[in-house]
Amino acid sequence: MGRLKDQSGPPGVVLGRLKDQSGSPGVVSSPGAVLRWLYCQSGSLGAGALILYAVVIIVFILISEFMYIFNIRQSVDVELTRAVNTAVDMSMSDLHRQDKLSELDVELAYNSFFDYLYKDMDLSRRLEARSRGGALVYTLEIERLDISRAPPGISVSCVLSPSPLFISRIVPAPVRLPIRVSSANRRKD
């Protein structure tokens, strides 16, 4: 097993180096050797511990950023599903229900869908969501909106661009997440 041999460094700093029995540099192979590498014998924190702490903090930030973006995507996905379902429900025409025909009022469905986006999801006319402080949370880009009269249904394809919390200055390109939501009214009778 190896021993920690002290070397002198700048005043107040003790550098540690792991040596094996023969005096040549060895391989850190046990938890005790790792701890001796992390902490100098004087009790001060070594450079290895600082590197370890920096790595842990970076991993924590990346996991937090991933969870933030995942939560925004899930939230927008649920809200878009509600918008599509509400638009289909609000725009169903009952004129031919006795004839077992279902029709959708296309203009009313279109207006209901965007009313939900503007009023209930609190999006701006440019489909941007902002926090109470005015910071941009995400941008929604609708690529395709298909509304069919018969069979009644709505299909939406869009791209979500969330604003990162921590890594906005590191990642130059925006994160773009595709979302596809559809709803149809099916008769059971």
Protein backbone atom coordinates (compact mmCIF):
# COMPACT_ATOMS: atom_id res chain seq x y z
CA MET A 1 0.00 0.00 0.00
CA GLY A 2 1.16 3.55 -0.53
CA ARG A 3 2.15 6.26 1.90
CA LEU A 4 1.62 9.96 1.57
CA LYS A 5 4.91 11.81 1.30
CA ASP A 6 4.84 15.54 1.93
CA GLN A 7 6.59 18.02 -0.27
CA SER A 8 7.01 21.64 0.49
CA GLY A 9 5.19 24.17 -1.61
CA PRO A 10 4.33 27.83 -1.25
CA PRO A 11 4.15 29.12 2.34
CA GLY A 12 1.14 27.67 4.18
CA VAL A 13 0.44 25.03 1.49
CA VAL A 14 1.44 21.40 1.82
CA LEU A 15 1.38 19.33 -1.35
CA GLY A 16 0.71 15.61 -1.08
CA ARG A 17 1.99 12.90 -3.40
CA LEU A 18 1.26 9.20 -3.15
CA LYS A 19 4.32 6.95 -3.18
CA ASP A 20 4.47 3.20 -2.91
CA GLN A 21 6.92 1.20 -0.73
CA SER A 22 9.76 1.61 -3.23
CA GLY A 23 9.35 5.37 -3.41
CA SER A 24 8.00 5.51 -6.98
CA PRO A 25 4.59 7.07 -7.71
CA GLY A 26 1.83 4.53 -7.12
CA VAL A 27 -1.76 3.99 -8.12
CA VAL A 28 -4.51 5.16 -5.78
CA SER A 29 -6.34 1.91 -5.08
CA SER A 30 -8.15 2.21 -1.77
CA PRO A 31 -10.63 4.65 -0.21
CA GLY A 32 -8.06 5.53 2.44
CA ALA A 33 -5.53 6.47 -0.23
CA VAL A 34 -8.15 8.64 -1.95
CA LEU A 35 -8.90 10.43 1.31
CA ARG A 36 -5.18 10.97 1.92
CA TRP A 37 -4.96 12.40 -1.60
CA LEU A 38 -7.91 14.73 -1.01
CA TYR A 39 -6.68 16.08 2.34
CA CYS A 40 -3.15 17.13 3.13
CA GLN A 41 -1.62 15.99 6.43
CA SER A 42 -1.84 19.50 7.83
CA GLY A 43 -5.64 19.24 7.66
CA SER A 44 -6.06 21.77 4.87
CA LEU A 45 -8.05 20.99 1.77
CA GLY A 46 -6.00 19.71 -1.13
CA ALA A 47 -6.36 20.55 -4.81
CA GLY A 48 -7.92 17.14 -5.45
CA ALA A 49 -10.82 17.92 -3.12
CA LEU A 50 -11.43 21.24 -4.83
CA ILE A 51 -11.54 19.51 -8.20
CA LEU A 52 -13.93 16.90 -6.81
CA TYR A 53 -16.23 19.58 -5.37
CA ALA A 54 -16.20 21.50 -8.67
CA VAL A 55 -17.17 18.34 -10.58
CA VAL A 56 -20.00 17.64 -8.13
CA ILE A 57 -21.32 21.20 -8.46
CA ILE A 58 -21.18 21.06 -12.28
CA VAL A 59 -23.04 17.73 -12.34
CA PHE A 60 -25.66 19.16 -9.95
CA ILE A 61 -26.15 22.22 -12.19
CA LEU A 62 -26.53 20.09 -15.32
CA ILE A 63 -29.06 17.77 -13.65
CA SER A 64 -31.02 20.78 -12.35
CA GLU A 65 -31.07 22.33 -15.83
CA PHE A 66 -32.25 19.07 -17.39
CA MET A 67 -35.05 18.73 -14.83
CA TYR A 68 -36.10 22.37 -15.36
CA ILE A 69 -36.37 21.89 -19.13
CA PHE A 70 -38.14 18.53 -18.69
CA ASN A 71 -40.72 20.10 -16.33
CA ILE A 72 -41.40 22.96 -18.75
CA ARG A 73 -41.89 20.51 -21.61
CA GLN A 74 -44.28 18.36 -19.59
CA SER A 75 -46.24 21.40 -18.47
CA VAL A 76 -46.58 22.78 -22.00
CA ASP A 77 -47.52 19.34 -23.34
CA VAL A 78 -50.34 19.02 -20.79
CA GLU A 79 -51.58 22.57 -21.47
CA LEU A 80 -51.55 22.03 -25.24
CA THR A 81 -53.53 18.81 -24.79
CA ARG A 82 -56.09 20.76 -22.75
CA ALA A 83 -56.19 23.50 -25.40
CA VAL A 84 -56.84 21.01 -28.19
CA ASN A 85 -59.47 19.07 -26.20
CA THR A 86 -61.23 22.29 -25.17
CA ALA A 87 -61.26 23.55 -28.75
CA VAL A 88 -62.80 20.28 -29.99
CA ASP A 89 -65.43 20.28 -27.22
CA MET A 90 -66.36 23.92 -27.73
CA SER A 91 -66.69 23.70 -31.50
CA MET A 92 -68.75 20.52 -31.96
CA SER A 93 -71.89 21.10 -33.97
CA ASP A 94 -75.01 19.27 -32.78
CA LEU A 95 -77.12 20.03 -35.86
CA HIS A 96 -76.78 16.52 -37.30
CA ARG A 97 -76.42 14.52 -34.09
CA GLN A 98 -79.67 12.63 -34.62
CA ASP A 99 -78.42 11.57 -38.04
CA LYS A 100 -75.30 10.24 -36.29
CA LEU A 101 -73.09 12.76 -38.07
CA SER A 102 -70.42 14.74 -36.25
CA GLU A 103 -69.15 18.05 -37.53
CA LEU A 104 -66.76 20.58 -36.17
CA ASP A 105 -66.98 24.34 -36.66
CA VAL A 106 -63.46 25.03 -37.97
CA GLU A 107 -63.44 28.78 -37.28
CA LEU A 108 -64.75 28.32 -33.73
CA ALA A 109 -62.16 25.56 -33.09
CA TYR A 110 -59.36 27.82 -34.32
CA ASN A 111 -60.51 30.72 -32.14
CA SER A 112 -61.06 28.47 -29.10
CA PHE A 113 -57.57 27.01 -29.44
CA PHE A 114 -55.84 30.39 -29.57
CA ASP A 115 -58.08 31.84 -26.84
CA TYR A 116 -56.87 29.05 -24.57
CA LEU A 117 -53.25 29.80 -25.46
CA TYR A 118 -53.60 33.53 -24.81
CA LYS A 119 -55.91 33.51 -21.80
CA ASP A 120 -55.38 30.23 -19.94
CA MET A 121 -51.70 29.60 -20.75
CA ASP A 122 -51.02 33.35 -20.43
CA LEU A 123 -48.95 33.51 -23.63
CA SER A 124 -48.27 36.75 -25.49
CA ARG A 125 -49.36 37.24 -29.11
CA ARG A 126 -45.87 36.09 -30.11
CA LEU A 127 -46.51 32.88 -28.10
CA GLU A 128 -43.95 33.71 -25.41
CA ALA A 129 -44.36 32.86 -21.74
CA ARG A 130 -42.79 35.26 -19.29
CA SER A 131 -42.29 35.05 -15.54
CA ARG A 132 -43.79 37.61 -13.18
CA GLY A 133 -40.48 39.45 -13.25
CA GLY A 134 -40.63 39.70 -17.05
CA ALA A 135 -37.96 37.10 -17.84
CA LEU A 136 -38.60 34.86 -20.84
CA VAL A 137 -39.50 31.31 -19.73
CA TYR A 138 -40.17 29.71 -23.12
CA THR A 139 -41.25 30.38 -26.68
CA LEU A 140 -43.76 28.24 -28.54
CA GLU A 141 -43.62 28.03 -32.33
CA ILE A 142 -46.62 26.42 -34.00
CA GLU A 143 -45.42 24.70 -37.15
CA ARG A 144 -48.68 23.11 -38.18
CA LEU A 145 -52.31 23.32 -37.04
CA ASP A 146 -54.72 20.92 -38.77
CA ILE A 147 -58.43 21.22 -38.05
CA SER A 148 -60.75 18.79 -39.80
CA ARG A 149 -64.51 19.26 -40.00
CA ALA A 150 -65.41 15.60 -40.48
CA PRO A 151 -64.21 13.47 -38.79
CA PRO A 152 -63.86 16.19 -36.16
CA GLY A 153 -60.36 16.63 -34.83
CA ILE A 154 -57.44 18.95 -34.28
CA SER A 155 -53.75 18.17 -34.61
CA VAL A 156 -50.95 20.55 -33.56
CA SER A 157 -47.23 20.30 -34.24
CA CYS A 158 -45.06 22.85 -32.50
CA VAL A 159 -41.56 23.49 -31.20
CA LEU A 160 -40.87 24.53 -27.63
CA SER A 161 -37.78 26.66 -26.95
CA PRO A 162 -37.27 26.96 -23.18
CA SER A 163 -34.83 29.53 -21.81
CA PRO A 164 -32.14 27.76 -19.77
CA LEU A 165 -31.60 28.80 -16.17
CA PHE A 166 -27.88 28.28 -15.63
CA ILE A 167 -26.27 27.40 -18.93
CA SER A 168 -27.70 30.16 -21.15
CA ARG A 169 -24.28 31.77 -21.61
CA ILE A 170 -22.51 28.46 -22.19
CA VAL A 171 -24.87 26.95 -24.80
CA PRO A 172 -25.06 29.30 -27.81
CA ALA A 173 -27.86 27.46 -29.64
CA PRO A 174 -31.37 27.38 -28.14
CA VAL A 175 -32.85 24.09 -27.00
CA ARG A 176 -35.69 23.10 -29.36
CA LEU A 177 -38.12 20.38 -28.30
CA PRO A 178 -40.80 19.12 -30.71
CA ILE A 179 -44.33 18.58 -29.38
CA ARG A 180 -47.21 16.95 -31.26
CA VAL A 181 -50.72 16.88 -29.80
CA SER A 182 -54.00 15.76 -31.35
CA SER A 183 -57.58 15.29 -30.32
CA ALA A 184 -60.58 13.83 -32.08
CA ASN A 185 -64.25 13.49 -31.24
CA ARG A 186 -65.35 9.89 -31.76
CA ARG A 187 -68.97 8.87 -31.61
CA LYS A 188 -69.85 5.93 -29.39
CA ASP A 189 -73.49 5.49 -30.44
